[in-house]
């Protein structure tokens, strides 16, 4: 499920993005 992440996720990015964790 898509969710809004900010610095969290498998990519480890610090920018806000949508991911399918």
N, C-alpha and C. Protein backbone atom coordinates (compact mmCIF):
# COMPACT_ATOMS: atom_id res chain seq x y z
N UNK A 1 0.84 -1.20 0.00
CA UNK A 1 0.00 0.00 0.00
C UNK A 1 0.88 1.25 0.00
N UNK A 2 0.48 2.20 -0.78
CA UNK A 2 1.27 3.44 -0.89
C UNK A 2 1.06 4.29 0.34
N UNK A 3 2.15 4.85 0.83
CA UNK A 3 2.06 5.73 2.00
C UNK A 3 3.07 6.84 1.86
N UNK A 4 2.80 7.96 2.52
CA UNK A 4 3.71 9.10 2.46
C UNK A 4 4.81 8.91 3.49
N UNK A 5 6.05 8.92 3.03
CA UNK A 5 7.18 8.72 3.93
C UNK A 5 8.08 9.93 3.92
N UNK A 6 8.77 10.15 5.02
CA UNK A 6 9.71 11.26 5.11
C UNK A 6 10.96 10.77 5.81
N UNK A 7 11.92 10.28 5.03
CA UNK A 7 13.16 9.79 5.60
C UNK A 7 13.05 8.33 6.03
N UNK A 8 11.92 7.69 5.79
CA UNK A 8 11.76 6.30 6.16
C UNK A 8 11.46 5.47 4.92
N UNK A 9 11.98 4.26 4.90
CA UNK A 9 11.76 3.39 3.76
C UNK A 9 13.01 2.66 3.35
N UNK A 10 12.88 1.71 2.45
CA UNK A 10 14.02 0.91 2.02
C UNK A 10 15.05 1.75 1.28
N UNK A 11 14.60 2.86 0.70
CA UNK A 11 15.54 3.71 -0.05
C UNK A 11 16.41 4.53 0.90
N UNK A 12 15.88 4.85 2.08
CA UNK A 12 16.65 5.60 3.05
C UNK A 12 16.81 7.06 2.67
N UNK A 13 15.94 7.55 1.80
CA UNK A 13 16.02 8.96 1.40
C UNK A 13 15.53 9.86 2.52
N UNK A 14 16.01 11.09 2.54
CA UNK A 14 15.60 12.03 3.57
C UNK A 14 14.54 12.99 3.04
N UNK A 15 14.19 12.85 1.76
CA UNK A 15 13.17 13.71 1.17
C UNK A 15 11.82 13.01 1.26
N UNK A 16 10.76 13.79 1.18
CA UNK A 16 9.42 13.22 1.26
C UNK A 16 9.07 12.56 -0.08
N UNK A 17 8.59 11.35 -0.01
CA UNK A 17 8.24 10.63 -1.23
C UNK A 17 7.23 9.56 -0.88
N UNK A 18 6.59 9.00 -1.92
CA UNK A 18 5.63 7.94 -1.73
C UNK A 18 6.29 6.61 -2.06
N UNK A 19 6.09 5.62 -1.18
CA UNK A 19 6.72 4.33 -1.38
C UNK A 19 5.72 3.21 -1.13
N UNK A 20 6.06 2.01 -1.61
CA UNK A 20 5.18 0.85 -1.44
C UNK A 20 5.77 -0.12 -0.43
N UNK A 21 6.23 0.40 0.70
CA UNK A 21 6.80 -0.46 1.74
C UNK A 21 5.80 -1.52 2.16
